[in-house]
C-alpha cells in the first residue's frame, strides 16, 4: 500500500472519528514518544476495504510499525500495548 510507504513516521494508524481505541493507540504512541501518521477511513469504504483485504481485520485501529525496512502489521490498540 502506497500510503504506508509514504508515511514519514514510526507508526501508521488506520482510524475513524469515533473510535476510542484509535485515540488510545495514539496516546500510547505519544507516551512512548513515537511518531505516528493516520488515515481516517470513516467516509471511505473503498480504502477501508483495502486495509481489510490486506490485514484480514475489520475493526479499527489498524496499526503498522514503519520503523523497519518493511511495514509490520501490529494489530489494534491492545496488540500495540503488548508489542511495545
PDB file of N, CA and C in Angstrom:
ATOM      1  N   UNK A   1       0.852  -1.185   0.000  1.00  0.00           N
ATOM      2  CA  UNK A   1       0.000   0.000   0.000  1.00  0.00           C
ATOM      3  C   UNK A   1       0.885   1.230   0.000  1.00  0.00           C
ATOM      4  N   UNK A   2       0.660   2.104  -0.929  1.00  0.00           N
ATOM      5  CA  UNK A   2       1.498   3.287  -1.069  1.00  0.00           C
ATOM      6  C   UNK A   2       1.377   4.247   0.106  1.00  0.00           C
ATOM      7  N   UNK A   3       0.236   4.284   0.779  1.00  0.00           N
ATOM      8  CA  UNK A   3       0.103   5.151   1.953  1.00  0.00           C
ATOM      9  C   UNK A   3       1.123   4.780   3.019  1.00  0.00           C
ATOM     10  N   UNK A   4       1.348   3.496   3.206  1.00  0.00           N
ATOM     11  CA  UNK A   4       2.310   3.043   4.210  1.00  0.00           C
ATOM     12  C   UNK A   4       3.721   3.455   3.827  1.00  0.00           C
ATOM     13  N   UNK A   5       4.041   3.351   2.559  1.00  0.00           N
ATOM     14  CA  UNK A   5       5.385   3.670   2.095  1.00  0.00           C
ATOM     15  C   UNK A   5       5.665   5.165   2.128  1.00  0.00           C
ATOM     16  N   UNK A   6       4.634   5.989   2.042  1.00  0.00           N
ATOM     17  CA  UNK A   6       4.820   7.436   2.020  1.00  0.00           C
ATOM     18  C   UNK A   6       4.826   8.053   3.409  1.00  0.00           C
ATOM     19  N   UNK A   7       4.387   7.333   4.394  1.00  0.00           N
ATOM     20  CA  UNK A   7       4.298   7.883   5.748  1.00  0.00           C
ATOM     21  C   UNK A   7       5.699   8.124   6.308  1.00  0.00           C
ATOM     22  N   UNK A   8       5.926   9.305   6.814  1.00  0.00           N
ATOM     23  CA  UNK A   8       7.218   9.661   7.392  1.00  0.00           C
ATOM     24  C   UNK A   8       7.084   9.693   8.912  1.00  0.00           C
ATOM     25  N   UNK A   9       6.876   8.520   9.496  1.00  0.00           N
ATOM     26  CA  UNK A   9       6.684   8.420  10.938  1.00  0.00           C
ATOM     27  C   UNK A   9       7.043   7.016  11.392  1.00  0.00           C
ATOM     28  N   UNK A  10       7.007   6.805  12.704  1.00  0.00           N
ATOM     29  CA  UNK A  10       7.325   5.481  13.263  1.00  0.00           C
ATOM     30  C   UNK A  10       6.183   4.489  13.065  1.00  0.00           C
ATOM     31  N   UNK A  11       4.939   4.987  13.175  1.00  0.00           N
ATOM     32  CA  UNK A  11       3.765   4.115  13.071  1.00  0.00           C
ATOM     33  C   UNK A  11       2.719   4.737  12.164  1.00  0.00           C
ATOM     34  N   UNK A  12       1.879   3.885  11.605  1.00  0.00           N
ATOM     35  CA  UNK A  12       0.774   4.299  10.742  1.00  0.00           C
ATOM     36  C   UNK A  12      -0.498   3.697  11.324  1.00  0.00           C
ATOM     37  N   UNK A  13      -1.529   4.527  11.477  1.00  0.00           N
ATOM     38  CA  UNK A  13      -2.777   4.090  12.097  1.00  0.00           C
ATOM     39  C   UNK A  13      -3.933   4.331  11.147  1.00  0.00           C
ATOM     40  N   UNK A  14      -4.745   3.313  10.930  1.00  0.00           N
ATOM     41  CA  UNK A  14      -5.991   3.445  10.190  1.00  0.00           C
ATOM     42  C   UNK A  14      -7.071   3.630  11.243  1.00  0.00           C
ATOM     43  N   UNK A  15      -7.812   4.746  11.157  1.00  0.00           N
ATOM     44  CA  UNK A  15      -8.736   5.094  12.227  1.00  0.00           C
ATOM     45  C   UNK A  15     -10.057   5.627  11.680  1.00  0.00           C
ATOM     46  N   UNK A  16     -10.972   5.895  12.623  1.00  0.00           N
ATOM     47  CA  UNK A  16     -12.224   6.589  12.321  1.00  0.00           C
ATOM     48  C   UNK A  16     -12.405   7.693  13.361  1.00  0.00           C
ATOM     49  N   UNK A  17     -13.404   8.536  13.138  1.00  0.00           N
ATOM     50  CA  UNK A  17     -13.633   9.692  14.009  1.00  0.00           C
ATOM     51  C   UNK A  17     -14.053   9.332  15.422  1.00  0.00           C
ATOM     52  N   UNK A  18     -14.813   8.270  15.577  1.00  0.00           N
ATOM     53  CA  UNK A  18     -15.463   7.989  16.860  1.00  0.00           C
ATOM     54  C   UNK A  18     -14.926   6.744  17.566  1.00  0.00           C
ATOM     55  N   UNK A  19     -13.727   6.366  17.239  1.00  0.00           N
ATOM     56  CA  UNK A  19     -13.150   5.130  17.773  1.00  0.00           C
ATOM     57  C   UNK A  19     -12.313   5.409  19.017  1.00  0.00           C
ATOM     58  N   UNK A  20     -12.789   4.985  20.201  1.00  0.00           N
ATOM     59  CA  UNK A  20     -11.998   5.227  21.414  1.00  0.00           C
ATOM     60  C   UNK A  20     -10.674   4.459  21.415  1.00  0.00           C
ATOM     61  N   UNK A  21     -10.632   3.316  20.742  1.00  0.00           N
ATOM     62  CA  UNK A  21      -9.401   2.539  20.684  1.00  0.00           C
ATOM     63  C   UNK A  21      -8.356   3.211  19.794  1.00  0.00           C
ATOM     64  N   UNK A  22      -8.811   3.964  18.812  1.00  0.00           N
ATOM     65  CA  UNK A  22      -7.892   4.736  17.971  1.00  0.00           C
ATOM     66  C   UNK A  22      -7.227   5.826  18.804  1.00  0.00           C
ATOM     67  N   UNK A  23      -8.030   6.527  19.613  1.00  0.00           N
ATOM     68  CA  UNK A  23      -7.479   7.553  20.494  1.00  0.00           C
ATOM     69  C   UNK A  23      -6.517   6.940  21.502  1.00  0.00           C
ATOM     70  N   UNK A  24      -6.863   5.760  22.003  1.00  0.00           N
ATOM     71  CA  UNK A  24      -6.000   5.063  22.961  1.00  0.00           C
ATOM     72  C   UNK A  24      -4.651   4.744  22.327  1.00  0.00           C
ATOM     73  N   UNK A  25      -4.660   4.222  21.115  1.00  0.00           N
ATOM     74  CA  UNK A  25      -3.417   3.866  20.421  1.00  0.00           C
ATOM     75  C   UNK A  25      -2.536   5.102  20.226  1.00  0.00           C
ATOM     76  N   UNK A  26      -3.144   6.204  19.870  1.00  0.00           N
ATOM     77  CA  UNK A  26      -2.378   7.444  19.657  1.00  0.00           C
ATOM     78  C   UNK A  26      -1.776   7.936  20.973  1.00  0.00           C
ATOM     79  N   UNK A  27      -2.519   7.815  22.063  1.00  0.00           N
ATOM     80  CA  UNK A  27      -1.992   8.199  23.383  1.00  0.00           C
ATOM     81  C   UNK A  27      -0.820   7.300  23.788  1.00  0.00           C
ATOM     82  N   UNK A  28      -0.926   6.006  23.497  1.00  0.00           N
ATOM     83  CA  UNK A  28       0.166   5.070  23.814  1.00  0.00           C
ATOM     84  C   UNK A  28       1.425   5.483  23.065  1.00  0.00           C
ATOM     85  N   UNK A  29       1.286   5.754  21.772  1.00  0.00           N
ATOM     86  CA  UNK A  29       2.449   6.143  20.973  1.00  0.00           C
ATOM     87  C   UNK A  29       3.017   7.483  21.433  1.00  0.00           C
ATOM     88  N   UNK A  30       2.135   8.431  21.729  1.00  0.00           N
ATOM     89  CA  UNK A  30       2.600   9.724  22.244  1.00  0.00           C
ATOM     90  C   UNK A  30       3.373   9.532  23.554  1.00  0.00           C
ATOM     91  N   UNK A  31       2.866   8.659  24.415  1.00  0.00           N
ATOM     92  CA  UNK A  31       3.521   8.392  25.693  1.00  0.00           C
ATOM     93  C   UNK A  31       4.901   7.774  25.533  1.00  0.00           C
ATOM     94  N   UNK A  32       5.088   7.029  24.458  1.00  0.00           N
ATOM     95  CA  UNK A  32       6.384   6.413  24.166  1.00  0.00           C
ATOM     96  C   UNK A  32       7.274   7.328  23.316  1.00  0.00           C
ATOM     97  N   UNK A  33       6.746   8.509  23.002  1.00  0.00           N
ATOM     98  CA  UNK A  33       7.449   9.484  22.148  1.00  0.00           C
ATOM     99  C   UNK A  33       7.766   8.916  20.778  1.00  0.00           C
ATOM    100  N   UNK A  34       6.800   8.175  20.253  1.00  0.00           N
ATOM    101  CA  UNK A  34       6.907   7.612  18.901  1.00  0.00           C
ATOM    102  C   UNK A  34       5.974   8.398  17.988  1.00  0.00           C
ATOM    103  N   UNK A  35       6.447   8.702  16.805  1.00  0.00           N
ATOM    104  CA  UNK A  35       5.632   9.480  15.875  1.00  0.00           C
ATOM    105  C   UNK A  35       4.648   8.568  15.152  1.00  0.00           C
ATOM    106  N   UNK A  36       3.540   9.162  14.721  1.00  0.00           N
ATOM    107  CA  UNK A  36       2.529   8.389  14.007  1.00  0.00           C
ATOM    108  C   UNK A  36       1.846   9.273  12.973  1.00  0.00           C
ATOM    109  N   UNK A  37       1.383   8.610  11.943  1.00  0.00           N
ATOM    110  CA  UNK A  37       0.569   9.210  10.901  1.00  0.00           C
ATOM    111  C   UNK A  37      -0.704   8.399  10.853  1.00  0.00           C
ATOM    112  N   UNK A  38      -1.832   9.047  10.598  1.00  0.00           N
ATOM    113  CA  UNK A  38      -3.056   8.261  10.485  1.00  0.00           C
ATOM    114  C   UNK A  38      -3.822   8.632   9.233  1.00  0.00           C
ATOM    115  N   UNK A  39      -4.654   7.698   8.826  1.00  0.00           N
ATOM    116  CA  UNK A  39      -5.598   7.935   7.741  1.00  0.00           C
ATOM    117  C   UNK A  39      -6.976   7.589   8.295  1.00  0.00           C
ATOM    118  N   UNK A  40      -7.910   8.486   8.084  1.00  0.00           N
ATOM    119  CA  UNK A  40      -9.267   8.303   8.575  1.00  0.00           C
ATOM    120  C   UNK A  40     -10.104   7.672   7.463  1.00  0.00           C
ATOM    121  N   UNK A  41     -10.658   6.504   7.743  1.00  0.00           N
ATOM    122  CA  UNK A  41     -11.459   5.788   6.745  1.00  0.00           C
ATOM    123  C   UNK A  41     -12.949   5.853   7.062  1.00  0.00           C
ATOM    124  N   UNK A  42     -13.330   6.806   7.908  1.00  0.00           N
ATOM    125  CA  UNK A  42     -14.733   6.961   8.315  1.00  0.00           C
ATOM    126  C   UNK A  42     -15.675   7.021   7.109  1.00  0.00           C
ATOM    127  N   UNK A  43     -15.303   7.805   6.111  1.00  0.00           N
ATOM    128  CA  UNK A  43     -16.170   8.022   4.954  1.00  0.00           C
ATOM    129  C   UNK A  43     -15.594   7.477   3.662  1.00  0.00           C
ATOM    130  N   UNK A  44     -14.646   6.556   3.780  1.00  0.00           N
ATOM    131  CA  UNK A  44     -14.015   5.995   2.582  1.00  0.00           C
ATOM    132  C   UNK A  44     -14.063   4.471   2.660  1.00  0.00           C
ATOM    133  N   UNK A  45     -15.199   3.924   2.296  1.00  0.00           N
ATOM    134  CA  UNK A  45     -15.396   2.471   2.381  1.00  0.00           C
ATOM    135  C   UNK A  45     -14.390   1.707   1.519  1.00  0.00           C
ATOM    136  N   UNK A  46     -14.085   2.228   0.358  1.00  0.00           N
ATOM    137  CA  UNK A  46     -13.153   1.541  -0.548  1.00  0.00           C
ATOM    138  C   UNK A  46     -11.763   1.419   0.084  1.00  0.00           C
ATOM    139  N   UNK A  47     -11.266   2.503   0.645  1.00  0.00           N
ATOM    140  CA  UNK A  47      -9.959   2.459   1.301  1.00  0.00           C
ATOM    141  C   UNK A  47     -10.003   1.529   2.513  1.00  0.00           C
ATOM    142  N   UNK A  48     -11.079   1.597   3.277  1.00  0.00           N
ATOM    143  CA  UNK A  48     -11.211   0.711   4.442  1.00  0.00           C
ATOM    144  C   UNK A  48     -11.154  -0.748   4.013  1.00  0.00           C
ATOM    145  N   UNK A  49     -11.832  -1.081   2.928  1.00  0.00           N
ATOM    146  CA  UNK A  49     -11.853  -2.466   2.452  1.00  0.00           C
ATOM    147  C   UNK A  49     -10.476  -2.896   1.935  1.00  0.00           C
ATOM    148  N   UNK A  50      -9.681  -1.958   1.431  1.00  0.00           N
ATOM    149  CA  UNK A  50      -8.304  -2.295   1.031  1.00  0.00           C
ATOM    150  C   UNK A  50      -7.505  -2.759   2.249  1.00  0.00           C
ATOM    151  N   UNK A  51      -7.666  -2.052   3.358  1.00  0.00           N
ATOM    152  CA  UNK A  51      -6.947  -2.443   4.577  1.00  0.00           C
ATOM    153  C   UNK A  51      -7.498  -3.746   5.152  1.00  0.00           C
ATOM    154  N   UNK A  52      -8.796  -3.974   5.044  1.00  0.00           N
ATOM    155  CA  UNK A  52      -9.381  -5.249   5.482  1.00  0.00           C
ATOM    156  C   UNK A  52      -8.788  -6.384   4.660  1.00  0.00           C
ATOM    157  N   UNK A  53      -8.696  -6.192   3.354  1.00  0.00           N
ATOM    158  CA  UNK A  53      -8.131  -7.220   2.483  1.00  0.00           C
ATOM    159  C   UNK A  53      -6.656  -7.476   2.815  1.00  0.00           C
ATOM    160  N   UNK A  54      -5.939  -6.426   3.164  1.00  0.00           N
ATOM    161  CA  UNK A  54      -4.516  -6.539   3.461  1.00  0.00           C
ATOM    162  C   UNK A  54      -4.269  -7.254   4.785  1.00  0.00           C
ATOM    163  N   UNK A  55      -5.108  -6.988   5.785  1.00  0.00           N
ATOM    164  CA  UNK A  55      -4.832  -7.474   7.142  1.00  0.00           C
ATOM    165  C   UNK A  55      -5.768  -8.585   7.616  1.00  0.00           C
ATOM    166  N   UNK A  56      -6.958  -8.658   7.018  1.00  0.00           N
ATOM    167  CA  UNK A  56      -7.953  -9.605   7.498  1.00  0.00           C
ATOM    168  C   UNK A  56      -8.732  -9.093   8.710  1.00  0.00           C
ATOM    169  N   UNK A  57      -8.436  -7.886   9.156  1.00  0.00           N
ATOM    170  CA  UNK A  57      -9.109  -7.296  10.316  1.00  0.00           C
ATOM    171  C   UNK A  57     -10.138  -6.277   9.861  1.00  0.00           C
ATOM    172  N   UNK A  58     -11.334  -6.350  10.439  1.00  0.00           N
ATOM    173  CA  UNK A  58     -12.422  -5.463  10.050  1.00  0.00           C
ATOM    174  C   UNK A  58     -12.615  -4.277  10.987  1.00  0.00           C
ATOM    175  N   UNK A  59     -11.932  -4.272  12.108  1.00  0.00           N
ATOM    176  CA  UNK A  59     -12.104  -3.202  13.080  1.00  0.00           C
ATOM    177  C   UNK A  59     -10.914  -2.242  13.042  1.00  0.00           C
ATOM    178  N   UNK A  60     -11.132  -1.047  13.541  1.00  0.00           N
ATOM    179  CA  UNK A  60     -10.051  -0.088  13.679  1.00  0.00           C
ATOM    180  C   UNK A  60      -9.744   0.068  15.162  1.00  0.00           C
ATOM    181  N   UNK A  61      -8.562   0.470  15.514  1.00  0.00           N
ATOM    182  CA  UNK A  61      -7.496   0.878  14.619  1.00  0.00           C
ATOM    183  C   UNK A  61      -6.756  -0.316  14.023  1.00  0.00           C
ATOM    184  N   UNK A  62      -6.146  -0.058  12.896  1.00  0.00           N
ATOM    185  CA  UNK A  62      -5.185  -0.971  12.300  1.00  0.00           C
ATOM    186  C   UNK A  62      -3.845  -0.260  12.406  1.00  0.00           C
ATOM    187  N   UNK A  63      -2.909  -0.860  13.086  1.00  0.00           N
ATOM    188  CA  UNK A  63      -1.649  -0.187  13.392  1.00  0.00           C
ATOM    189  C   UNK A  63      -0.496  -0.918  12.723  1.00  0.00           C
ATOM    190  N   UNK A  64       0.354  -0.144  12.076  1.00  0.00           N
ATOM    191  CA  UNK A  64       1.528  -0.671  11.386  1.00  0.00           C
ATOM    192  C   UNK A  64       2.783  -0.013  11.942  1.00  0.00           C
ATOM    193  N   UNK A  65       3.816  -0.816  12.186  1.00  0.00           N
ATOM    194  CA  UNK A  65       5.124  -0.317  12.601  1.00  0.00           C
ATOM    195  C   UNK A  65       5.935  -0.071  11.332  1.00  0.00           C
ATOM    196  N   UNK A  66       6.369   1.154  11.134  1.00  0.00           N
ATOM    197  CA  UNK A  66       7.100   1.528   9.921  1.00  0.00           C
ATOM    198  C   UNK A  66       8.591   1.707  10.164  1.00  0.00           C
ATOM    199  N   UNK A  67       9.074   1.315  11.320  1.00  0.00           N
ATOM    200  CA  UNK A  67      10.472   1.596  11.664  1.00  0.00           C
ATOM    201  C   UNK A  67      11.475   0.706  10.960  1.00  0.00           C
ATOM    202  N   UNK A  68      11.063  -0.427  10.450  1.00  0.00           N
ATOM    203  CA  UNK A  68      11.987  -1.330   9.768  1.00  0.00           C
ATOM    204  C   UNK A  68      11.975  -1.122   8.267  1.00  0.00           C
ATOM    205  N   UNK A  69      12.568  -2.051   7.558  1.00  0.00           N
ATOM    206  CA  UNK A  69      12.619  -1.972   6.098  1.00  0.00           C
ATOM    207  C   UNK A  69      11.250  -2.151   5.462  1.00  0.00           C
ATOM    208  N   UNK A  70      10.416  -2.984   6.079  1.00  0.00           N
ATOM    209  CA  UNK A  70       9.068  -3.248   5.586  1.00  0.00           C
ATOM    210  C   UNK A  70       8.062  -2.966   6.691  1.00  0.00           C
ATOM    211  N   UNK A  71       6.880  -2.446   6.360  1.00  0.00           N
ATOM    212  CA  UNK A  71       5.848  -2.234   7.379  1.00  0.00           C
ATOM    213  C   UNK A  71       5.447  -3.548   8.049  1.00  0.00           C
ATOM    214  N   UNK A  72       5.245  -3.503   9.361  1.00  0.00           N
ATOM    215  CA  UNK A  72       4.811  -4.667  10.129  1.00  0.00           C
ATOM    216  C   UNK A  72       3.421  -4.366  10.677  1.00  0.00           C
ATOM    217  N   UNK A  73       2.459  -5.240  10.383  1.00  0.00           N
ATOM    218  CA  UNK A  73       1.119  -5.071  10.930  1.00  0.00           C
ATOM    219  C   UNK A  73       1.131  -5.499  12.388  1.00  0.00           C
ATOM    220  N   UNK A  74       0.810  -4.573  13.286  1.00  0.00           N
ATOM    221  CA  UNK A  74       0.821  -4.830  14.723  1.00  0.00           C
ATOM    222  C   UNK A  74      -0.523  -5.372  15.180  1.00  0.00           C
ATOM    223  N   UNK A  75      -1.614  -4.789  14.693  1.00  0.00           N
ATOM    224  CA  UNK A  75      -2.957  -5.161  15.125  1.00  0.00           C
ATOM    225  C   UNK A  75      -3.683  -3.936  15.627  1.00  0.00           C
ATOM    226  N   UNK A  76      -4.440  -4.095  16.721  1.00  0.00           N
ATOM    227  CA  UNK A  76      -5.200  -3.000  17.307  1.00  0.00           C
ATOM    228  C   UNK A  76      -4.493  -2.395  18.499  1.00  0.00           C
ATOM    229  N   UNK A  77      -5.223  -1.614  19.287  1.00  0.00           N
ATOM    230  CA  UNK A  77      -4.603  -0.895  20.404  1.00  0.00           C
ATOM    231  C   UNK A  77      -4.098  -1.839  21.495  1.00  0.00           C
ATOM    232  N   UNK A  78      -4.836  -2.895  21.801  1.00  0.00           N
ATOM    233  CA  UNK A  78      -4.365  -3.862  22.798  1.00  0.00           C
ATOM    234  C   UNK A  78      -3.106  -4.562  22.305  1.00  0.00           C
ATOM    235  N   UNK A  79      -3.077  -4.893  21.019  1.00  0.00           N
ATOM    236  CA  UNK A  79      -1.889  -5.524  20.433  1.00  0.00           C
ATOM    237  C   UNK A  79      -0.690  -4.581  20.500  1.00  0.00           C
ATOM    238  N   UNK A  80      -0.953  -3.291  20.306  1.00  0.00           N
ATOM    239  CA  UNK A  80       0.120  -2.296  20.366  1.00  0.00           C
ATOM    240  C   UNK A  80       0.751  -2.257  21.754  1.00  0.00           C
ATOM    241  N   UNK A  81      -0.078  -2.309  22.790  1.00  0.00           N
ATOM    242  CA  UNK A  81       0.442  -2.304  24.163  1.00  0.00           C
ATOM    243  C   UNK A  81       1.391  -3.479  24.389  1.00  0.00           C
ATOM    244  N   UNK A  82       1.003  -4.657  23.930  1.00  0.00           N
ATOM    245  CA  UNK A  82       1.856  -5.843  24.073  1.00  0.00           C
ATOM    246  C   UNK A  82       3.097  -5.707  23.214  1.00  0.00           C
ATOM    247  N   UNK A  83       2.944  -5.217  22.024  1.00  0.00           N
ATOM    248  CA  UNK A  83       4.031  -5.069  21.058  1.00  0.00           C
ATOM    249  C   UNK A  83       5.147  -4.163  21.581  1.00  0.00           C
ATOM    250  N   UNK A  84       4.732  -3.078  22.219  1.00  0.00           N
ATOM    251  CA  UNK A  84       5.738  -2.121  22.715  1.00  0.00           C
ATOM    252  C   UNK A  84       6.287  -2.559  24.051  1.00  0.00           C
TER     253      UNK A  84
END
